[in-house]
Amino acid sequence: MILPTKHVDLDHAVIGAGSVVLNNLHTPQTVTSLWNRVRQAPGLTVYWRFVLVLDFLYAIGAVELVDGLIRRNRP
């Protein structure tokens, strides 16, 4: 689920996991280093969920890939 519902809490919704990723993305990082930082967070304990969250964040324009590094887009 992208949004939380009464059956899906915020930690397991893609948008909630996306906030965890964005909070850990202070400087541009490689995919591996970002994964190592967030892999213990609820909702991001498996790699495919992490990739799904990165795809979501890229699709909404919150992150971008520049020279092999993921970085936050500034509004």
C-alpha atoms as a PDB file:
ATOM      1  CA  MET A   1       0.000   0.000   0.000  1.00  0.00           C
ATOM      2  CA  ILE A   2       1.184   3.490  -0.728  1.00  0.00           C
ATOM      3  CA  LEU A   3      -0.888   5.201   1.959  1.00  0.00           C
ATOM      4  CA  PRO A   4      -1.636   3.929   5.458  1.00  0.00           C
ATOM      5  CA  THR A   5      -5.094   2.575   6.226  1.00  0.00           C
ATOM      6  CA  LYS A   6      -6.670   1.199   9.352  1.00  0.00           C
ATOM      7  CA  HIS A   7      -5.103  -2.171   8.450  1.00  0.00           C
ATOM      8  CA  VAL A   8      -1.714  -0.891   7.208  1.00  0.00           C
ATOM      9  CA  ASP A   9       0.234   1.251   9.650  1.00  0.00           C
ATOM     10  CA  LEU A  10       2.444   4.133   8.581  1.00  0.00           C
ATOM     11  CA  ASP A  11       5.697   2.175   8.998  1.00  0.00           C
ATOM     12  CA  HIS A  12       4.596  -0.382   6.432  1.00  0.00           C
ATOM     13  CA  ALA A  13       3.073   2.048   3.940  1.00  0.00           C
ATOM     14  CA  VAL A  14       5.342   3.164   1.106  1.00  0.00           C
ATOM     15  CA  ILE A  15       4.914   6.827   1.992  1.00  0.00           C
ATOM     16  CA  GLY A  16       5.955   6.204   5.605  1.00  0.00           C
ATOM     17  CA  ALA A  17       8.978   4.168   4.575  1.00  0.00           C
ATOM     18  CA  GLY A  18       9.810   6.951   2.119  1.00  0.00           C
ATOM     19  CA  SER A  19       9.987   9.432   4.964  1.00  0.00           C
ATOM     20  CA  VAL A  20      12.507   7.171   6.718  1.00  0.00           C
ATOM     21  CA  VAL A  21      14.652   7.084   3.576  1.00  0.00           C
ATOM     22  CA  LEU A  22      14.453  10.855   3.110  1.00  0.00           C
ATOM     23  CA  ASN A  23      15.364  11.467   6.759  1.00  0.00           C
ATOM     24  CA  ASN A  24      18.522   9.385   6.269  1.00  0.00           C
ATOM     25  CA  LEU A  25      19.486  11.063   3.007  1.00  0.00           C
ATOM     26  CA  HIS A  26      21.305  14.163   4.271  1.00  0.00           C
ATOM     27  CA  THR A  27      24.097  13.925   1.710  1.00  0.00           C
ATOM     28  CA  PRO A  28      24.188  12.154  -1.668  1.00  0.00           C
ATOM     29  CA  GLN A  29      24.804   8.427  -1.142  1.00  0.00           C
ATOM     30  CA  THR A  30      25.152   5.231  -3.091  1.00  0.00           C
ATOM     31  CA  VAL A  31      22.293   2.760  -3.049  1.00  0.00           C
ATOM     32  CA  THR A  32      24.363   0.375  -0.927  1.00  0.00           C
ATOM     33  CA  SER A  33      25.271   2.924   1.729  1.00  0.00           C
ATOM     34  CA  LEU A  34      21.680   4.153   1.962  1.00  0.00           C
ATOM     35  CA  TRP A  35      20.426   0.573   2.254  1.00  0.00           C
ATOM     36  CA  ASN A  36      22.892  -0.094   5.073  1.00  0.00           C
ATOM     37  CA  ARG A  37      21.580   2.967   6.946  1.00  0.00           C
ATOM     38  CA  VAL A  38      17.861   2.160   6.693  1.00  0.00           C
ATOM     39  CA  ARG A  39      17.692  -1.633   6.627  1.00  0.00           C
ATOM     40  CA  GLN A  40      16.764  -1.907  10.317  1.00  0.00           C
ATOM     41  CA  ALA A  41      13.792   0.458  10.045  1.00  0.00           C
ATOM     42  CA  PRO A  42      10.318  -1.083  10.280  1.00  0.00           C
ATOM     43  CA  GLY A  43       8.902  -1.592   6.806  1.00  0.00           C
ATOM     44  CA  LEU A  44      12.337  -1.592   5.150  1.00  0.00           C
ATOM     45  CA  THR A  45      13.791  -4.861   6.399  1.00  0.00           C
ATOM     46  CA  VAL A  46      13.759  -6.478   2.957  1.00  0.00           C
ATOM     47  CA  TYR A  47      15.588  -5.139  -0.079  1.00  0.00           C
ATOM     48  CA  TRP A  48      12.661  -5.276  -2.517  1.00  0.00           C
ATOM     49  CA  ARG A  49      10.648  -2.918  -0.272  1.00  0.00           C
ATOM     50  CA  PHE A  50      13.607  -0.523  -0.194  1.00  0.00           C
ATOM     51  CA  VAL A  51      13.761  -0.551  -4.004  1.00  0.00           C
ATOM     52  CA  LEU A  52       9.992  -0.011  -4.190  1.00  0.00           C
ATOM     53  CA  VAL A  53      10.330   3.015  -1.899  1.00  0.00           C
ATOM     54  CA  LEU A  54      13.194   4.414  -4.002  1.00  0.00           C
ATOM     55  CA  ASP A  55      11.068   3.971  -7.135  1.00  0.00           C
ATOM     56  CA  PHE A  56       8.187   5.789  -5.456  1.00  0.00           C
ATOM     57  CA  LEU A  57      10.410   8.650  -4.296  1.00  0.00           C
ATOM     58  CA  TYR A  58      11.888   8.981  -7.790  1.00  0.00           C
ATOM     59  CA  ALA A  59       8.435   8.921  -9.392  1.00  0.00           C
ATOM     60  CA  ILE A  60       7.173  11.778  -7.225  1.00  0.00           C
ATOM     61  CA  GLY A  61      10.362  13.770  -7.788  1.00  0.00           C
ATOM     62  CA  ALA A  62      11.676  13.609  -4.212  1.00  0.00           C
ATOM     63  CA  VAL A  63      15.026  12.022  -5.156  1.00  0.00           C
ATOM     64  CA  GLU A  64      17.219  11.815  -8.229  1.00  0.00           C
ATOM     65  CA  LEU A  65      20.221   9.801  -9.358  1.00  0.00           C
ATOM     66  CA  VAL A  66      23.268  11.899 -10.240  1.00  0.00           C
ATOM     67  CA  ASP A  67      26.631  10.302 -11.072  1.00  0.00           C
ATOM     68  CA  GLY A  68      25.657   7.063  -9.325  1.00  0.00           C
ATOM     69  CA  LEU A  69      24.549   8.813  -6.132  1.00  0.00           C
ATOM     70  CA  ILE A  70      21.013   9.233  -4.837  1.00  0.00           C
ATOM     71  CA  ARG A  71      20.283  12.732  -3.649  1.00  0.00           C
ATOM     72  CA  ARG A  72      17.256  14.643  -2.435  1.00  0.00           C
ATOM     73  CA  ASN A  73      15.585  17.120  -4.737  1.00  0.00           C
ATOM     74  CA  ARG A  74      15.109  20.515  -3.190  1.00  0.00           C
ATOM     75  CA  PRO A  75      11.780  22.248  -3.834  1.00  0.00           C
END
